[in-house]
């Protein structure tokens, strides 16, 4: 078996086209969508990721705002920057890029973000909305994974999804989203992690497996049910190369699989743009 590639680049391009059209309609009504980013320190992957977000904004006609604070910034400096973005009517949604440098409190920074301007969907009020199944911005990577599965007609409703990883940005919110009783979700979800001794036994039961542990090559072909959909959402930097949680051999067993590059990442960025647009439409 050779798996169907879940091409995030192609699906994200379609999403950006839709966003560009909706953004142009707002602009015609005098509303320019604004997306902001706050970067603290000089973490190279974070800086690269922020730059890509602003490139995406330019492509779809969204105005971008950016504030770069030094690694020596205090907690007060970060929260003051958040307050400025909260108060700026030209910025409809924004994010504080994480991880923050050592000594800074990410939870306090997230709490300071106006929930209505939370483009990442990770502000505690919005995570609470997700728990309740109430309307609100969805965390970008989980929303992007779900959109990617739907784009390739991967059955989700009533299927068993195994999520490897319990992190705030992917594992926990993805499990909540997939379990919601709503069209396109409504799955049976198992959340496991690298501390589970019988990890492979759990993973083999999954009709869909999402690896978000940040452990290179963690998921191997022997762990996958033939025909399952496998999403590599966790990555590890080794020098200048990005390695996936999913071993390349899994493609010979799976029915669908994300590529090492161009799978989940483009979808995350596309969902970020969609959340910013939705915030502008609400305003």
Protein backbone atom coordinates (compact mmCIF):
# COMPACT_ATOMS: atom_id res chain seq x y z
CA UNK A 1 0.00 0.00 0.00
CA UNK A 2 1.19 3.49 -0.80
CA UNK A 3 -0.56 6.18 1.22
CA UNK A 4 -2.40 9.18 -0.22
CA UNK A 5 -0.43 12.31 0.67
CA UNK A 6 -2.37 14.84 2.74
CA UNK A 7 -1.02 17.89 0.91
CA UNK A 8 -1.35 20.80 3.35
CA UNK A 9 0.22 23.25 0.91
CA UNK A 10 -2.50 22.62 -1.68
CA UNK A 11 -5.38 22.78 0.80
CA UNK A 12 -3.97 25.89 2.49
CA UNK A 13 -3.71 27.60 -0.90
CA UNK A 14 -7.44 27.03 -1.45
CA UNK A 15 -8.19 28.40 2.02
CA UNK A 16 -6.07 31.50 1.34
CA UNK A 17 -7.96 32.11 -1.91
CA UNK A 18 -11.26 32.04 0.00
CA UNK A 19 -9.83 34.36 2.66
CA UNK A 20 -8.52 36.80 0.05
CA UNK A 21 -12.00 37.05 -1.48
CA UNK A 22 -13.68 37.68 1.88
CA UNK A 23 -10.94 40.15 2.86
CA UNK A 24 -11.49 42.11 -0.37
CA UNK A 25 -15.22 42.35 0.36
CA UNK A 26 -14.50 43.77 3.80
CA UNK A 27 -12.01 46.23 2.31
CA UNK A 28 -14.69 47.40 -0.12
CA UNK A 29 -16.82 48.22 2.94
CA UNK A 30 -13.95 50.20 4.46
CA UNK A 31 -12.61 47.53 6.83
CA UNK A 32 -8.96 46.47 6.46
CA UNK A 33 -8.33 43.25 8.38
CA UNK A 34 -5.37 43.61 10.76
CA UNK A 35 -3.25 40.80 12.25
CA UNK A 36 -0.55 41.43 14.84
CA UNK A 37 2.39 39.46 16.22
CA UNK A 38 4.53 40.03 19.30
CA UNK A 39 7.93 38.32 19.26
CA UNK A 40 10.21 38.33 22.30
CA UNK A 41 13.85 37.40 21.94
CA UNK A 42 15.80 35.91 19.05
CA UNK A 43 14.61 32.31 18.75
CA UNK A 44 15.34 31.51 15.09
CA UNK A 45 12.40 29.11 14.39
CA UNK A 46 9.98 31.55 16.06
CA UNK A 47 11.31 34.48 14.01
CA UNK A 48 11.06 32.44 10.81
CA UNK A 49 7.50 31.40 11.63
CA UNK A 50 6.43 34.98 12.38
CA UNK A 51 7.95 36.14 9.08
CA UNK A 52 5.95 33.50 7.18
CA UNK A 53 2.76 34.70 8.87
CA UNK A 54 3.36 38.22 7.62
CA UNK A 55 4.12 36.94 4.12
CA UNK A 56 0.76 35.13 4.21
CA UNK A 57 -0.95 38.37 5.29
CA UNK A 58 0.50 40.22 2.32
CA UNK A 59 -0.75 37.50 -0.04
CA UNK A 60 -4.38 37.73 1.09
CA UNK A 61 -4.60 41.49 1.68
CA UNK A 62 -4.45 41.50 5.48
CA UNK A 63 -2.54 44.35 7.15
CA UNK A 64 0.18 43.07 9.47
CA UNK A 65 1.52 44.64 12.64
CA UNK A 66 4.60 43.48 14.50
CA UNK A 67 6.44 44.30 17.69
CA UNK A 68 9.80 42.70 18.44
CA UNK A 69 10.97 42.90 22.05
CA UNK A 70 14.53 41.98 23.11
CA UNK A 71 15.28 38.81 25.05
CA UNK A 72 15.94 41.04 28.06
CA UNK A 73 12.32 42.28 28.07
CA UNK A 74 10.54 42.06 31.41
CA UNK A 75 7.13 40.54 32.05
CA UNK A 76 5.78 44.09 32.28
CA UNK A 77 7.28 44.92 28.87
CA UNK A 78 5.49 41.94 27.31
CA UNK A 79 2.18 42.74 28.96
CA UNK A 80 2.46 46.41 27.97
CA UNK A 81 2.91 45.32 24.34
CA UNK A 82 -0.16 43.10 24.67
CA UNK A 83 -2.12 46.05 26.08
CA UNK A 84 -1.10 48.24 23.12
CA UNK A 85 -2.36 45.61 20.67
CA UNK A 86 -5.57 45.14 22.69
CA UNK A 87 -6.23 48.88 22.43
CA UNK A 88 -5.34 49.30 18.75
CA UNK A 89 -8.56 49.26 16.67
CA UNK A 90 -6.60 48.55 13.49
CA UNK A 91 -5.52 45.17 14.93
CA UNK A 92 -8.44 42.76 14.90
CA UNK A 93 -6.49 39.74 16.15
CA UNK A 94 -2.96 39.02 17.33
CA UNK A 95 -0.70 36.54 19.06
CA UNK A 96 2.25 36.41 21.40
CA UNK A 97 4.72 34.03 19.79
CA UNK A 98 5.80 31.24 22.12
CA UNK A 99 8.04 29.96 23.55
CA UNK A 100 8.98 33.08 25.50
CA UNK A 101 12.54 33.46 26.81
CA UNK A 102 13.32 31.88 30.20
CA UNK A 103 12.00 33.83 33.15
CA UNK A 104 8.85 35.07 31.40
CA UNK A 105 5.42 33.72 32.26
CA UNK A 106 3.59 32.52 29.13
CA UNK A 107 0.34 31.93 31.02
CA UNK A 108 0.22 35.55 32.20
CA UNK A 109 0.94 36.78 28.68
CA UNK A 110 -1.90 34.67 27.25
CA UNK A 111 -4.29 35.80 29.97
CA UNK A 112 -3.58 39.42 29.08
CA UNK A 113 -4.79 38.97 25.48
CA UNK A 114 -8.33 40.21 24.78
CA UNK A 115 -10.27 36.97 24.05
CA UNK A 116 -11.97 38.65 21.08
CA UNK A 117 -8.53 39.38 19.57
CA UNK A 118 -7.03 35.96 20.31
CA UNK A 119 -5.97 34.72 16.88
CA UNK A 120 -4.39 31.50 18.24
CA UNK A 121 -7.52 30.34 20.08
CA UNK A 122 -5.37 29.62 23.15
CA UNK A 123 -6.57 32.37 25.50
CA UNK A 124 -8.17 30.57 28.49
CA UNK A 125 -11.61 32.06 27.78
CA UNK A 126 -11.52 30.63 24.26
CA UNK A 127 -10.25 27.26 25.45
CA UNK A 128 -13.22 27.27 27.82
CA UNK A 129 -15.51 27.96 24.87
CA UNK A 130 -14.00 24.96 23.11
CA UNK A 131 -14.64 22.76 26.14
CA UNK A 132 -18.28 23.90 26.13
CA UNK A 133 -18.65 23.57 22.36
CA UNK A 134 -19.48 27.29 22.19
CA UNK A 135 -18.57 29.54 19.23
CA UNK A 136 -15.11 31.06 19.35
CA UNK A 137 -11.73 31.02 17.59
CA UNK A 138 -10.39 27.48 17.38
CA UNK A 139 -6.72 26.70 18.10
CA UNK A 140 -5.05 26.92 14.71
CA UNK A 141 -3.19 23.62 14.44
CA UNK A 142 -6.13 21.44 15.59
CA UNK A 143 -8.48 23.33 13.26
CA UNK A 144 -5.99 22.94 10.41
CA UNK A 145 -5.64 19.20 10.99
CA UNK A 146 -9.41 18.74 10.93
CA UNK A 147 -9.70 20.84 7.75
CA UNK A 148 -6.97 18.76 6.09
CA UNK A 149 -8.68 15.46 6.97
CA UNK A 150 -11.99 16.73 5.61
CA UNK A 151 -10.35 17.96 2.39
CA UNK A 152 -9.26 14.41 1.62
CA UNK A 153 -12.53 12.80 2.74
CA UNK A 154 -10.90 10.97 5.63
CA UNK A 155 -13.79 9.60 7.75
CA UNK A 156 -13.76 11.18 11.22
CA UNK A 157 -17.24 10.81 12.69
CA UNK A 158 -17.53 7.69 14.82
CA UNK A 159 -13.91 6.69 14.14
CA UNK A 160 -11.21 6.04 16.71
CA UNK A 161 -8.62 8.82 16.79
CA UNK A 162 -5.40 8.36 18.76
CA UNK A 163 -3.66 11.61 19.64
CA UNK A 164 -0.05 11.22 20.79
CA UNK A 165 0.82 14.25 22.88
CA UNK A 166 -1.10 16.34 25.41
CA UNK A 167 0.38 19.78 24.79
CA UNK A 168 -1.61 23.00 25.00
CA UNK A 169 -1.23 23.95 21.34
CA UNK A 170 -2.13 20.63 19.68
CA UNK A 171 -2.88 17.51 21.73
CA UNK A 172 -5.34 18.72 24.35
CA UNK A 173 -7.41 21.09 22.16
CA UNK A 174 -7.42 18.63 19.24
CA UNK A 175 -8.87 15.89 21.45
CA UNK A 176 -11.60 18.27 22.64
CA UNK A 177 -12.40 19.39 19.10
CA UNK A 178 -12.61 15.90 17.63
CA UNK A 179 -14.85 14.65 20.43
CA UNK A 180 -17.44 17.43 20.02
CA UNK A 181 -20.88 16.31 18.92
CA UNK A 182 -20.89 18.32 15.70
CA UNK A 183 -20.70 17.43 11.99
CA UNK A 184 -17.24 16.34 10.93
CA UNK A 185 -16.12 15.56 14.48
CA UNK A 186 -17.96 13.21 16.88
CA UNK A 187 -15.01 10.79 17.12
CA UNK A 188 -13.87 8.43 19.85
CA UNK A 189 -10.62 9.96 21.04
CA UNK A 190 -7.73 8.43 22.98
CA UNK A 191 -4.94 10.71 24.21
CA UNK A 192 -1.59 9.06 24.96
CA UNK A 193 1.97 10.29 25.41
CA UNK A 194 5.55 9.05 25.49
CA UNK A 195 5.24 8.11 29.16
CA UNK A 196 2.69 5.38 28.36
CA UNK A 197 4.46 1.97 28.50
CA UNK A 198 2.15 0.27 25.97
CA UNK A 199 2.07 3.19 23.54
CA UNK A 200 2.25 1.01 20.41
CA UNK A 201 -0.78 -1.04 21.50
CA UNK A 202 -2.88 2.10 21.80
CA UNK A 203 -1.68 3.54 18.50
CA UNK A 204 -2.48 0.34 16.57
CA UNK A 205 -6.17 0.76 17.41
CA UNK A 206 -6.41 4.15 15.73
CA UNK A 207 -8.29 4.72 12.51
CA UNK A 208 -6.63 8.13 12.61
CA UNK A 209 -3.32 8.77 14.39
CA UNK A 210 -2.08 12.27 15.12
CA UNK A 211 1.52 12.37 16.36
CA UNK A 212 2.18 15.59 18.28
CA UNK A 213 4.83 14.56 20.78
CA UNK A 214 7.88 16.30 19.32
CA UNK A 215 9.85 13.04 19.22
CA UNK A 216 11.49 12.33 15.86
CA UNK A 217 10.53 8.99 14.29
CA UNK A 218 8.35 8.00 17.24
CA UNK A 219 5.61 6.43 15.11
CA UNK A 220 6.79 3.49 13.02
CA UNK A 221 5.05 1.30 10.44
CA UNK A 222 4.61 -1.54 12.95
CA UNK A 223 2.45 0.75 15.13
CA UNK A 224 -0.10 1.62 12.43
CA UNK A 225 -3.29 -0.16 11.49
CA UNK A 226 -3.25 -0.79 7.71
CA UNK A 227 -5.22 1.92 5.94
CA UNK A 228 -5.21 4.37 8.85
CA UNK A 229 -4.76 8.11 8.36
CA UNK A 230 -1.54 9.38 9.95
CA UNK A 231 -0.85 13.04 10.68
CA UNK A 232 2.62 14.14 11.72
CA UNK A 233 2.00 17.27 13.78
CA UNK A 234 5.09 17.11 15.98
CA UNK A 235 8.53 18.14 14.75
CA UNK A 236 12.08 18.20 16.03
CA UNK A 237 14.94 20.39 14.79
CA UNK A 238 18.21 18.53 14.25
CA UNK A 239 20.69 21.13 13.11
CA UNK A 240 18.97 22.84 10.18
CA UNK A 241 16.69 19.91 9.36
CA UNK A 242 13.13 19.39 10.60
CA UNK A 243 12.27 15.80 11.51
CA UNK A 244 8.72 14.47 11.87
CA UNK A 245 7.30 12.36 14.68
CA UNK A 246 6.30 9.93 11.91
CA UNK A 247 8.89 7.61 10.38
CA UNK A 248 9.01 7.58 6.58
CA UNK A 249 8.19 3.84 6.49
CA UNK A 250 4.66 4.53 7.75
CA UNK A 251 3.68 5.59 4.21
CA UNK A 252 3.79 1.92 3.15
CA UNK A 253 1.11 0.95 5.67
CA UNK A 254 -1.13 4.01 6.06
CA UNK A 255 -4.05 4.95 3.83
CA UNK A 256 -3.34 8.68 4.16
CA UNK A 257 -0.26 10.46 5.50
CA UNK A 258 1.10 13.99 5.80
CA UNK A 259 4.46 14.74 4.15
CA UNK A 260 7.49 15.61 6.30
CA UNK A 261 7.16 19.21 5.11
CA UNK A 262 4.04 20.89 3.75
CA UNK A 263 1.47 19.02 5.80
CA UNK A 264 0.27 20.54 9.05
CA UNK A 265 2.38 23.73 9.03
CA UNK A 266 0.68 25.47 6.08
CA UNK A 267 -2.73 24.55 7.50
CA UNK A 268 -1.88 26.13 10.85
CA UNK A 269 -0.96 29.40 9.15
CA UNK A 270 -4.10 29.32 7.00
CA UNK A 271 -6.29 28.89 10.08
CA UNK A 272 -4.50 31.84 11.67
CA UNK A 273 -5.59 34.01 8.74
CA UNK A 274 -9.13 32.63 8.96
CA UNK A 275 -9.32 33.50 12.68
CA UNK A 276 -8.08 37.04 11.99
CA UNK A 277 -10.66 37.48 9.26
CA UNK A 278 -13.44 36.17 11.50
CA UNK A 279 -12.40 38.61 14.23
CA UNK A 280 -12.64 41.49 11.76
CA UNK A 281 -16.04 40.30 10.55
CA UNK A 282 -17.29 40.12 14.14
CA UNK A 283 -16.09 43.64 14.84
